[in-house]
Amino acid sequence: MFNFFSAKSKKYEDIPSGTFHDLMLQPDTVIIDVRTAGEFASGKIRGARNLDMMSSAFASQVRNLPKDKTYLLYCRSGNRSGQACEIMAEMGFEKLKNLSGGIMSWPFETV
């Protein structure tokens, strides 16, 4: 019948800040901040591009991104970026990493 205890497998990986930081330095890696423009302006991870997940333009902006890159996503707490990873996975992106705990758990420099 129904198995309410089986979790749907995620098509992205939640990673800690240290791993996220290490991956940022790799070639073919794109950092995406899915927070609002106001949140983005208040401080971001160096090199991040802002694509507001709550914007009606989010899907069309993502659709234009190359699928062969590794995408590192973050938001304030990790919730919205996890949702954004799911959306991107449904669009065919395969190399998706979500910052566990979001920028609130980021111990490194912000700009």
N, C-alpha and C. Protein backbone atom coordinates (compact mmCIF):
# COMPACT_ATOMS: atom_id res chain seq x y z
N MET A 1 0.85 -1.18 0.00
CA MET A 1 0.00 0.00 0.00
C MET A 1 0.89 1.24 0.00
N PHE A 2 0.67 2.15 0.95
CA PHE A 2 1.48 3.37 1.01
C PHE A 2 2.55 3.22 2.07
N ASN A 3 3.74 3.68 1.72
CA ASN A 3 4.81 3.67 2.71
C ASN A 3 5.16 5.13 3.01
N PHE A 4 4.60 5.62 4.10
CA PHE A 4 4.79 7.02 4.46
C PHE A 4 6.18 7.28 5.04
N PHE A 5 6.91 6.22 5.31
CA PHE A 5 8.21 6.38 5.94
C PHE A 5 9.35 6.39 4.94
N SER A 6 9.09 6.04 3.70
CA SER A 6 10.17 6.07 2.72
C SER A 6 10.34 7.49 2.20
N ALA A 7 11.52 7.99 2.33
CA ALA A 7 11.80 9.36 1.88
C ALA A 7 12.09 9.35 0.38
N LYS A 8 11.60 10.36 -0.29
CA LYS A 8 11.90 10.52 -1.71
C LYS A 8 13.39 10.84 -1.82
N SER A 9 14.08 10.17 -2.71
CA SER A 9 15.51 10.42 -2.83
C SER A 9 15.74 11.81 -3.43
N LYS A 10 16.67 12.52 -2.81
CA LYS A 10 16.99 13.86 -3.28
C LYS A 10 17.93 13.76 -4.48
N LYS A 11 17.80 14.72 -5.37
CA LYS A 11 18.66 14.75 -6.55
C LYS A 11 19.74 15.82 -6.39
N TYR A 12 20.02 16.17 -5.15
CA TYR A 12 21.08 17.12 -4.84
C TYR A 12 21.70 16.69 -3.52
N GLU A 13 22.81 17.32 -3.17
CA GLU A 13 23.52 16.94 -1.95
C GLU A 13 23.58 18.14 -1.01
N ASP A 14 23.22 17.91 0.25
CA ASP A 14 23.42 18.92 1.30
C ASP A 14 24.86 18.79 1.77
N ILE A 15 25.58 19.91 1.75
CA ILE A 15 27.00 19.85 2.14
C ILE A 15 27.30 20.90 3.22
N PRO A 16 28.26 20.61 4.10
CA PRO A 16 28.65 21.58 5.13
C PRO A 16 29.45 22.74 4.53
N SER A 17 29.59 23.79 5.30
CA SER A 17 30.25 25.00 4.81
C SER A 17 31.69 24.77 4.37
N GLY A 18 32.44 23.91 5.05
CA GLY A 18 33.83 23.65 4.65
C GLY A 18 33.92 23.04 3.26
N THR A 19 33.06 22.08 2.98
CA THR A 19 33.03 21.44 1.66
C THR A 19 32.58 22.44 0.61
N PHE A 20 31.58 23.24 0.95
CA PHE A 20 31.08 24.27 0.04
C PHE A 20 32.22 25.23 -0.32
N HIS A 21 32.96 25.66 0.70
CA HIS A 21 34.08 26.59 0.51
C HIS A 21 35.14 25.98 -0.41
N ASP A 22 35.46 24.70 -0.19
CA ASP A 22 36.46 24.02 -1.04
C ASP A 22 35.98 23.93 -2.49
N LEU A 23 34.71 23.60 -2.69
CA LEU A 23 34.16 23.47 -4.04
C LEU A 23 34.08 24.81 -4.77
N MET A 24 33.92 25.89 -4.03
CA MET A 24 33.85 27.23 -4.63
C MET A 24 35.09 27.53 -5.48
N LEU A 25 36.21 26.97 -5.06
CA LEU A 25 37.49 27.26 -5.69
C LEU A 25 37.74 26.43 -6.93
N GLN A 26 36.86 25.47 -7.21
CA GLN A 26 37.04 24.59 -8.36
C GLN A 26 36.56 25.26 -9.64
N PRO A 27 37.19 24.93 -10.77
CA PRO A 27 36.71 25.47 -12.05
C PRO A 27 35.33 24.87 -12.38
N ASP A 28 34.59 25.52 -13.22
CA ASP A 28 33.26 25.06 -13.65
C ASP A 28 32.27 24.97 -12.49
N THR A 29 32.45 25.83 -11.49
CA THR A 29 31.54 25.88 -10.37
C THR A 29 30.85 27.24 -10.36
N VAL A 30 29.54 27.23 -10.16
CA VAL A 30 28.74 28.47 -10.12
C VAL A 30 28.06 28.54 -8.76
N ILE A 31 28.20 29.70 -8.10
CA ILE A 31 27.58 29.91 -6.79
C ILE A 31 26.31 30.73 -7.00
N ILE A 32 25.19 30.20 -6.52
CA ILE A 32 23.92 30.89 -6.68
C ILE A 32 23.29 31.15 -5.32
N ASP A 33 23.00 32.42 -5.07
CA ASP A 33 22.29 32.86 -3.87
C ASP A 33 20.83 33.01 -4.28
N VAL A 34 19.94 32.23 -3.69
CA VAL A 34 18.53 32.26 -4.09
C VAL A 34 17.67 33.17 -3.21
N ARG A 35 18.32 34.01 -2.40
CA ARG A 35 17.57 34.94 -1.55
C ARG A 35 17.06 36.12 -2.37
N THR A 36 16.29 36.98 -1.73
CA THR A 36 15.79 38.18 -2.39
C THR A 36 16.94 39.15 -2.65
N ALA A 37 16.72 40.12 -3.52
CA ALA A 37 17.74 41.13 -3.83
C ALA A 37 18.15 41.89 -2.57
N GLY A 38 17.19 42.18 -1.70
CA GLY A 38 17.50 42.88 -0.45
C GLY A 38 18.40 42.07 0.46
N GLU A 39 18.10 40.77 0.59
CA GLU A 39 18.94 39.90 1.41
C GLU A 39 20.34 39.79 0.79
N PHE A 40 20.38 39.66 -0.52
CA PHE A 40 21.65 39.55 -1.25
C PHE A 40 22.52 40.79 -1.01
N ALA A 41 21.89 41.97 -1.04
CA ALA A 41 22.61 43.23 -0.86
C ALA A 41 23.16 43.37 0.56
N SER A 42 22.57 42.67 1.52
CA SER A 42 23.01 42.80 2.91
C SER A 42 24.26 41.97 3.21
N GLY A 43 24.72 41.19 2.26
CA GLY A 43 25.92 40.38 2.44
C GLY A 43 25.79 39.07 1.72
N LYS A 44 26.82 38.72 0.95
CA LYS A 44 26.77 37.50 0.14
C LYS A 44 28.12 36.80 0.19
N ILE A 45 28.11 35.55 -0.27
CA ILE A 45 29.35 34.80 -0.41
C ILE A 45 30.05 35.31 -1.67
N ARG A 46 31.34 35.56 -1.56
CA ARG A 46 32.10 36.11 -2.69
C ARG A 46 31.88 35.26 -3.96
N GLY A 47 31.59 35.94 -5.07
CA GLY A 47 31.42 35.27 -6.34
C GLY A 47 30.01 34.78 -6.62
N ALA A 48 29.11 34.98 -5.66
CA ALA A 48 27.74 34.49 -5.84
C ALA A 48 26.95 35.35 -6.81
N ARG A 49 26.08 34.67 -7.53
CA ARG A 49 25.15 35.31 -8.45
C ARG A 49 23.77 35.22 -7.81
N ASN A 50 22.99 36.29 -7.86
CA ASN A 50 21.67 36.30 -7.22
C ASN A 50 20.57 35.92 -8.22
N LEU A 51 19.90 34.81 -7.94
CA LEU A 51 18.70 34.39 -8.67
C LEU A 51 17.63 34.12 -7.62
N ASP A 52 16.78 35.09 -7.39
CA ASP A 52 15.75 35.02 -6.34
C ASP A 52 14.78 33.88 -6.64
N MET A 53 14.79 32.87 -5.78
CA MET A 53 13.92 31.72 -5.98
C MET A 53 12.44 32.06 -5.93
N MET A 54 12.10 33.11 -5.21
CA MET A 54 10.70 33.49 -5.07
C MET A 54 10.21 34.34 -6.25
N SER A 55 11.12 34.72 -7.14
CA SER A 55 10.77 35.53 -8.30
C SER A 55 10.09 34.69 -9.37
N SER A 56 9.16 35.29 -10.08
CA SER A 56 8.50 34.58 -11.18
C SER A 56 9.47 34.30 -12.32
N ALA A 57 10.60 35.01 -12.34
CA ALA A 57 11.60 34.83 -13.41
C ALA A 57 12.60 33.72 -13.10
N PHE A 58 12.54 33.12 -11.90
CA PHE A 58 13.55 32.15 -11.49
C PHE A 58 13.70 31.00 -12.49
N ALA A 59 12.60 30.36 -12.85
CA ALA A 59 12.67 29.21 -13.75
C ALA A 59 13.27 29.57 -15.11
N SER A 60 12.88 30.72 -15.64
CA SER A 60 13.42 31.11 -16.96
C SER A 60 14.90 31.47 -16.86
N GLN A 61 15.32 32.06 -15.73
CA GLN A 61 16.74 32.38 -15.55
C GLN A 61 17.56 31.09 -15.45
N VAL A 62 17.06 30.12 -14.71
CA VAL A 62 17.76 28.85 -14.52
C VAL A 62 17.82 28.08 -15.83
N ARG A 63 16.76 28.11 -16.59
CA ARG A 63 16.69 27.36 -17.85
C ARG A 63 17.83 27.74 -18.80
N ASN A 64 18.33 28.97 -18.70
CA ASN A 64 19.39 29.45 -19.57
C ASN A 64 20.80 29.08 -19.10
N LEU A 65 20.92 28.47 -17.94
CA LEU A 65 22.24 28.11 -17.42
C LEU A 65 22.75 26.82 -18.05
N PRO A 66 24.08 26.71 -18.25
CA PRO A 66 24.63 25.47 -18.80
C PRO A 66 24.50 24.32 -17.79
N LYS A 67 24.14 23.16 -18.27
CA LYS A 67 23.90 22.02 -17.37
C LYS A 67 25.17 21.24 -17.01
N ASP A 68 26.30 21.58 -17.62
CA ASP A 68 27.52 20.83 -17.37
C ASP A 68 28.35 21.36 -16.20
N LYS A 69 27.88 22.39 -15.55
CA LYS A 69 28.63 22.98 -14.43
C LYS A 69 28.12 22.41 -13.09
N THR A 70 28.91 22.63 -12.04
CA THR A 70 28.50 22.28 -10.68
C THR A 70 27.89 23.53 -10.06
N TYR A 71 26.71 23.40 -9.49
CA TYR A 71 26.01 24.54 -8.90
C TYR A 71 25.98 24.40 -7.38
N LEU A 72 26.48 25.46 -6.73
CA LEU A 72 26.47 25.55 -5.27
C LEU A 72 25.39 26.57 -4.92
N LEU A 73 24.34 26.14 -4.25
CA LEU A 73 23.22 27.02 -3.92
C LEU A 73 23.16 27.27 -2.43
N TYR A 74 22.73 28.48 -2.08
CA TYR A 74 22.51 28.79 -0.67
C TYR A 74 21.42 29.85 -0.53
N CYS A 75 20.87 29.91 0.67
CA CYS A 75 19.90 30.96 1.03
C CYS A 75 20.22 31.34 2.48
N ARG A 76 19.24 31.77 3.22
CA ARG A 76 19.49 32.17 4.61
C ARG A 76 19.71 30.93 5.49
N SER A 77 18.82 29.93 5.36
CA SER A 77 18.89 28.78 6.26
C SER A 77 19.10 27.43 5.58
N GLY A 78 19.01 27.40 4.25
CA GLY A 78 19.15 26.14 3.52
C GLY A 78 17.84 25.59 3.00
N ASN A 79 16.72 26.18 3.40
CA ASN A 79 15.40 25.68 2.98
C ASN A 79 15.08 26.06 1.53
N ARG A 80 15.11 27.36 1.24
CA ARG A 80 14.80 27.80 -0.13
C ARG A 80 15.79 27.24 -1.14
N SER A 81 17.07 27.19 -0.75
CA SER A 81 18.06 26.67 -1.70
C SER A 81 17.85 25.18 -1.96
N GLY A 82 17.36 24.45 -0.96
CA GLY A 82 17.01 23.05 -1.17
C GLY A 82 15.86 22.93 -2.16
N GLN A 83 14.87 23.80 -2.02
CA GLN A 83 13.74 23.81 -2.96
C GLN A 83 14.23 24.17 -4.36
N ALA A 84 15.14 25.14 -4.45
CA ALA A 84 15.69 25.55 -5.74
C ALA A 84 16.47 24.39 -6.38
N CYS A 85 17.18 23.63 -5.57
CA CYS A 85 17.90 22.45 -6.08
C CYS A 85 16.92 21.46 -6.69
N GLU A 86 15.79 21.25 -6.01
CA GLU A 86 14.77 20.33 -6.53
C GLU A 86 14.25 20.81 -7.89
N ILE A 87 13.98 22.10 -8.00
CA ILE A 87 13.48 22.67 -9.26
C ILE A 87 14.52 22.47 -10.36
N MET A 88 15.78 22.76 -10.04
CA MET A 88 16.84 22.61 -11.03
C MET A 88 17.04 21.14 -11.43
N ALA A 89 16.91 20.24 -10.46
CA ALA A 89 17.04 18.81 -10.76
C ALA A 89 15.94 18.37 -11.73
N GLU A 90 14.73 18.88 -11.53
CA GLU A 90 13.62 18.56 -12.43
C GLU A 90 13.88 19.08 -13.84
N MET A 91 14.70 20.12 -13.95
CA MET A 91 15.04 20.69 -15.26
C MET A 91 16.23 19.98 -15.91
N GLY A 92 16.78 18.99 -15.23
CA GLY A 92 17.87 18.22 -15.82
C GLY A 92 19.26 18.53 -15.31
N PHE A 93 19.39 19.41 -14.32
CA PHE A 93 20.70 19.68 -13.73
C PHE A 93 21.07 18.51 -12.82
N GLU A 94 22.33 18.11 -12.86
CA GLU A 94 22.74 16.93 -12.09
C GLU A 94 23.74 17.23 -10.98
N LYS A 95 24.56 18.26 -11.14
CA LYS A 95 25.60 18.55 -10.14
C LYS A 95 25.14 19.71 -9.27
N LEU A 96 24.33 19.38 -8.26
CA LEU A 96 23.71 20.38 -7.39
C LEU A 96 24.12 20.15 -5.94
N LYS A 97 24.59 21.20 -5.30
CA LYS A 97 25.00 21.13 -3.89
C LYS A 97 24.31 22.26 -3.13
N ASN A 98 23.76 21.92 -1.98
CA ASN A 98 23.04 22.89 -1.15
C ASN A 98 23.82 23.12 0.14
N LEU A 99 24.06 24.37 0.48
CA LEU A 99 24.78 24.70 1.72
C LEU A 99 23.89 24.41 2.93
N SER A 100 24.27 23.39 3.71
CA SER A 100 23.52 23.04 4.92
C SER A 100 23.54 24.20 5.90
N GLY A 101 22.37 24.61 6.36
CA GLY A 101 22.27 25.69 7.32
C GLY A 101 22.32 27.07 6.69
N GLY A 102 22.50 27.13 5.37
CA GLY A 102 22.50 28.41 4.66
C GLY A 102 23.63 29.34 5.09
N ILE A 103 23.48 30.60 4.71
CA ILE A 103 24.51 31.59 5.00
C ILE A 103 24.63 31.85 6.50
N MET A 104 23.58 31.49 7.27
CA MET A 104 23.66 31.64 8.73
C MET A 104 24.74 30.73 9.32
N SER A 105 25.08 29.65 8.62
CA SER A 105 26.10 28.72 9.12
C SER A 105 27.46 28.97 8.46
N TRP A 106 27.58 30.05 7.68
CA TRP A 106 28.79 30.34 6.92
C TRP A 106 29.84 31.01 7.82
N PRO A 107 30.94 30.31 8.13
CA PRO A 107 31.95 30.90 9.03
C PRO A 107 33.00 31.75 8.29
N PHE A 108 32.92 31.77 6.96
CA PHE A 108 33.93 32.47 6.16
C PHE A 108 33.47 33.88 5.81
N GLU A 109 34.30 34.58 5.10
CA GLU A 109 34.04 35.97 4.73
C GLU A 109 32.80 36.11 3.85
N THR A 110 32.06 37.19 4.08
CA THR A 110 30.99 37.59 3.16
C THR A 110 31.34 38.99 2.67
N VAL A 111 30.78 39.35 1.52
CA VAL A 111 31.07 40.66 0.94
C VAL A 111 29.78 41.43 0.69
